[in-house]
């Protein structure tokens, strides 16, 4: 059974990508950390779309949990092959660098960059055996442009972008593509509280993006037809930055 693993799949962009993967015919493995209620809502939506799915509660920033929980899932589900991996889980904790606490730096790096390494390394083994796979990393405008108050977040996302380029070169001959998607201002929990009416004046298309627009791009990169696209970072930001 072809499976798509989406980390941070309980809400926002992650939920929209889970639904897109279901529409594409994948069994969806929905990873989440704490919000079981929202994760179950995502699962229900996947099932309403006519596909199957299941939940995998796991802190992707904890290498032991990834090894034990995801490792056990892979070992115990030999009939389910993770063909698509979407590394979406992440957090931000903004502060000017002068005032940034050690914990703010470490938590953001661990949740956004380390998690990519732990999860991808484990899933990659199966893709190499099958000689096919799609790895999609959700990064950020912040990782391309850099945004004041986000030294930690920008560094983490820029790190994933660099890793995307290198991994694509390592596994391209095995039928595996590795790409990143860099959303700009998207209507999610992360942009709640922002003055949308004021900020959208800076965006050429004059609006925030939607999670579904990001998911549509993820669906394209996950398709067989995108097999000659790898090591790329696709910006979805309404023309705010290129």
Protein backbone atom coordinates (compact mmCIF):
# COMPACT_ATOMS: atom_id res chain seq x y z
CA UNK A 1 0.00 0.00 0.00
CA UNK A 2 1.50 3.31 -1.08
CA UNK A 3 1.81 5.57 1.95
CA UNK A 4 2.50 9.27 2.45
CA UNK A 5 3.96 10.34 5.79
CA UNK A 6 3.20 13.94 6.72
CA UNK A 7 4.85 15.28 9.86
CA UNK A 8 2.93 17.94 11.74
CA UNK A 9 -0.20 16.83 9.95
CA UNK A 10 -2.85 17.77 12.49
CA UNK A 11 -3.53 21.36 11.40
CA UNK A 12 -2.89 24.10 8.87
CA UNK A 13 -0.56 23.33 5.98
CA UNK A 14 0.04 19.80 7.28
CA UNK A 15 -3.67 18.99 7.28
CA UNK A 16 -4.13 20.38 3.78
CA UNK A 17 -1.23 18.25 2.53
CA UNK A 18 -2.69 15.15 4.16
CA UNK A 19 -5.92 15.73 2.25
CA UNK A 20 -4.03 16.29 -1.01
CA UNK A 21 -2.14 13.02 -0.51
CA UNK A 22 -5.46 11.25 0.10
CA UNK A 23 -6.85 12.72 -3.12
CA UNK A 24 -3.81 11.30 -4.91
CA UNK A 25 -4.62 7.81 -3.65
CA UNK A 26 -2.18 7.48 -0.78
CA UNK A 27 -2.72 5.86 2.58
CA UNK A 28 -1.88 8.80 4.85
CA UNK A 29 0.27 8.44 7.95
CA UNK A 30 -0.55 11.55 9.99
CA UNK A 31 2.15 12.50 12.46
CA UNK A 32 1.40 14.84 15.35
CA UNK A 33 2.95 15.65 18.70
CA UNK A 34 0.24 16.54 21.25
CA UNK A 35 -3.06 17.67 19.73
CA UNK A 36 -4.93 14.38 19.38
CA UNK A 37 -8.27 16.12 18.84
CA UNK A 38 -7.04 18.03 15.77
CA UNK A 39 -5.17 14.98 14.47
CA UNK A 40 -8.38 12.96 14.62
CA UNK A 41 -10.14 15.70 12.66
CA UNK A 42 -7.52 15.38 9.94
CA UNK A 43 -7.95 11.61 9.90
CA UNK A 44 -11.73 11.99 9.58
CA UNK A 45 -11.28 14.35 6.63
CA UNK A 46 -8.93 11.87 4.96
CA UNK A 47 -11.52 9.12 5.38
CA UNK A 48 -14.26 11.41 4.05
CA UNK A 49 -12.10 11.85 0.96
CA UNK A 50 -12.46 8.09 0.42
CA UNK A 51 -9.00 7.04 1.53
CA UNK A 52 -7.46 5.36 4.56
CA UNK A 53 -5.14 6.86 7.12
CA UNK A 54 -3.76 6.43 10.60
CA UNK A 55 -2.19 8.51 13.33
CA UNK A 56 1.40 8.40 14.51
CA UNK A 57 1.95 10.40 17.68
CA UNK A 58 5.63 11.22 17.93
CA UNK A 59 7.93 14.14 18.70
CA UNK A 60 9.97 14.33 15.51
CA UNK A 61 12.64 16.40 17.27
CA UNK A 62 13.40 13.48 19.60
CA UNK A 63 15.71 11.02 17.85
CA UNK A 64 14.82 8.23 20.28
CA UNK A 65 11.10 8.59 19.62
CA UNK A 66 11.69 8.66 15.88
CA UNK A 67 13.86 5.56 16.08
CA UNK A 68 11.47 3.66 18.35
CA UNK A 69 8.04 4.74 17.11
CA UNK A 70 8.57 5.37 13.41
CA UNK A 71 11.10 2.55 13.27
CA UNK A 72 8.58 0.16 14.80
CA UNK A 73 5.87 1.31 12.41
CA UNK A 74 8.11 0.64 9.41
CA UNK A 75 9.12 -2.76 10.79
CA UNK A 76 5.54 -3.81 11.57
CA UNK A 77 3.94 -2.51 8.37
CA UNK A 78 5.92 -4.22 5.65
CA UNK A 79 2.90 -4.06 3.33
CA UNK A 80 2.89 -0.25 3.54
CA UNK A 81 5.70 1.52 1.75
CA UNK A 82 6.34 5.21 2.51
CA UNK A 83 6.61 6.54 -1.03
CA UNK A 84 6.15 10.21 -0.11
CA UNK A 85 7.63 11.98 2.92
CA UNK A 86 6.56 15.53 3.70
CA UNK A 87 8.65 17.12 6.45
CA UNK A 88 6.23 19.77 7.61
CA UNK A 89 6.50 19.79 11.42
CA UNK A 90 8.10 22.87 12.90
CA UNK A 91 7.82 25.70 15.39
CA UNK A 92 8.92 29.30 15.69
CA UNK A 93 9.82 31.32 18.77
CA UNK A 94 10.74 34.84 17.71
CA UNK A 95 13.08 37.23 19.44
CA UNK A 96 15.84 39.65 18.51
CA UNK A 97 19.12 37.76 18.72
CA UNK A 98 20.43 40.04 21.48
CA UNK A 99 17.59 38.87 23.75
CA UNK A 100 17.22 35.30 22.51
CA UNK A 101 17.49 32.65 25.21
CA UNK A 102 19.43 29.43 24.69
CA UNK A 103 16.20 27.44 24.87
CA UNK A 104 14.61 29.52 22.08
CA UNK A 105 17.54 28.79 19.78
CA UNK A 106 17.83 25.11 20.67
CA UNK A 107 14.10 24.31 20.51
CA UNK A 108 13.62 25.92 17.10
CA UNK A 109 16.72 24.29 15.61
CA UNK A 110 15.75 20.92 17.04
CA UNK A 111 12.13 21.04 15.86
CA UNK A 112 12.80 22.40 12.39
CA UNK A 113 16.24 21.09 11.39
CA UNK A 114 17.09 18.08 13.54
CA UNK A 115 13.64 16.60 12.91
CA UNK A 116 14.27 16.65 9.16
CA UNK A 117 17.44 14.62 9.68
CA UNK A 118 16.01 12.03 12.07
CA UNK A 119 12.85 11.30 10.06
CA UNK A 120 14.34 11.45 6.58
CA UNK A 121 17.30 9.22 7.39
CA UNK A 122 14.95 6.49 8.60
CA UNK A 123 12.43 6.71 5.75
CA UNK A 124 15.15 6.96 3.11
CA UNK A 125 16.20 3.33 3.56
CA UNK A 126 12.89 2.03 2.22
CA UNK A 127 12.92 4.44 -0.70
CA UNK A 128 16.40 3.31 -1.68
CA UNK A 129 15.29 -0.34 -1.65
CA UNK A 130 12.30 0.48 -3.86
CA UNK A 131 14.38 2.85 -6.00
CA UNK A 132 11.61 5.43 -5.88
CA UNK A 133 10.50 8.18 -3.55
CA UNK A 134 9.46 11.78 -3.10
CA UNK A 135 10.80 13.89 -0.23
CA UNK A 136 9.25 17.33 0.21
CA UNK A 137 10.50 19.71 2.89
CA UNK A 138 8.31 22.60 3.98
CA UNK A 139 10.67 25.49 4.67
CA UNK A 140 9.90 29.21 4.70
CA UNK A 141 10.41 32.60 3.14
CA UNK A 142 12.41 33.21 6.31
CA UNK A 143 14.96 30.62 5.24
CA UNK A 144 15.51 32.39 1.92
CA UNK A 145 15.27 36.07 2.78
CA UNK A 146 15.87 36.10 6.51
CA UNK A 147 13.44 37.98 8.73
CA UNK A 148 14.32 40.16 11.74
CA UNK A 149 13.50 38.46 15.02
CA UNK A 150 13.86 35.00 13.46
CA UNK A 151 17.57 34.25 13.63
CA UNK A 152 16.79 30.78 14.96
CA UNK A 153 13.95 30.03 12.53
CA UNK A 154 15.77 31.46 9.51
CA UNK A 155 18.90 29.47 10.36
CA UNK A 156 16.91 26.24 10.74
CA UNK A 157 14.97 26.64 7.50
CA UNK A 158 18.06 27.71 5.57
CA UNK A 159 19.74 24.58 6.89
CA UNK A 160 16.94 22.40 5.53
CA UNK A 161 17.19 24.14 2.16
CA UNK A 162 20.92 23.35 2.03
CA UNK A 163 20.30 19.76 3.06
CA UNK A 164 17.61 19.45 0.37
CA UNK A 165 20.13 20.38 -2.34
CA UNK A 166 22.74 17.92 -1.09
CA UNK A 167 20.42 14.97 -0.47
CA UNK A 168 18.93 15.39 -3.94
CA UNK A 169 22.41 14.85 -5.39
CA UNK A 170 23.01 11.79 -3.22
CA UNK A 171 19.83 9.90 -4.11
CA UNK A 172 18.83 11.16 -7.57
CA UNK A 173 20.17 8.07 -9.34
CA UNK A 174 17.81 5.95 -7.22
CA UNK A 175 14.64 7.54 -8.54
CA UNK A 176 14.19 9.73 -5.46
CA UNK A 177 13.55 13.45 -5.74
CA UNK A 178 14.12 15.91 -2.89
CA UNK A 179 12.57 19.36 -3.03
CA UNK A 180 11.52 22.15 -0.69
CA UNK A 181 8.52 24.46 -0.61
CA UNK A 182 8.99 27.90 0.92
CA UNK A 183 5.63 29.44 1.88
CA UNK A 184 5.34 33.14 2.55
CA UNK A 185 2.42 34.53 4.52
CA UNK A 186 -0.16 31.75 4.67
CA UNK A 187 -3.37 31.85 6.68
CA UNK A 188 -2.53 29.42 9.51
CA UNK A 189 -2.03 29.45 13.27
CA UNK A 190 1.44 30.92 12.69
CA UNK A 191 0.02 34.09 11.14
CA UNK A 192 -2.83 34.60 13.59
CA UNK A 193 -2.65 37.99 15.24
CA UNK A 194 -0.92 39.65 12.29
CA UNK A 195 -2.52 42.76 10.79
CA UNK A 196 -3.47 41.14 7.49
CA UNK A 197 -5.04 44.25 6.00
CA UNK A 198 -1.84 46.23 6.51
CA UNK A 199 0.67 43.49 5.65
CA UNK A 200 -1.05 42.39 2.43
CA UNK A 201 -0.27 45.83 0.94
CA UNK A 202 3.35 44.62 0.64
CA UNK A 203 2.34 41.47 -1.27
CA UNK A 204 1.96 41.89 -5.04
CA UNK A 205 -1.15 39.67 -5.18
CA UNK A 206 -2.57 41.63 -2.22
CA UNK A 207 -3.56 38.71 -0.02
CA UNK A 208 -2.27 35.95 2.24
CA UNK A 209 -1.97 32.49 0.73
CA UNK A 210 -3.97 29.44 1.74
CA UNK A 211 -2.84 26.10 3.06
CA UNK A 212 -4.56 24.46 0.09
CA UNK A 213 -2.33 26.38 -2.33
CA UNK A 214 0.75 25.03 -0.58
CA UNK A 215 -0.74 21.54 -0.61
CA UNK A 216 -1.39 21.77 -4.36
CA UNK A 217 2.33 22.43 -4.91
CA UNK A 218 3.22 19.51 -2.65
CA UNK A 219 0.93 17.29 -4.68
CA UNK A 220 2.67 18.31 -7.90
CA UNK A 221 6.15 17.63 -6.49
CA UNK A 222 4.92 14.26 -5.19
CA UNK A 223 3.68 13.20 -8.61
CA UNK A 224 5.50 10.92 -11.02
CA UNK A 225 5.36 13.71 -13.60
CA UNK A 226 7.68 15.80 -11.42
CA UNK A 227 10.46 13.23 -11.64
CA UNK A 228 12.90 15.58 -13.37
CA UNK A 229 12.51 18.29 -10.72
CA UNK A 230 14.84 17.88 -7.76
CA UNK A 231 17.04 20.01 -5.47
CA UNK A 232 14.62 22.91 -5.99
CA UNK A 233 13.01 25.32 -3.55
CA UNK A 234 9.60 26.48 -4.75
CA UNK A 235 8.48 29.82 -3.32
CA UNK A 236 4.78 30.32 -2.65
CA UNK A 237 4.60 33.90 -1.44
CA UNK A 238 2.43 35.91 -3.83
CA UNK A 239 5.47 37.61 -5.31
CA UNK A 240 6.68 39.00 -1.99
CA UNK A 241 10.21 37.73 -2.57
CA UNK A 242 12.00 35.84 -5.31
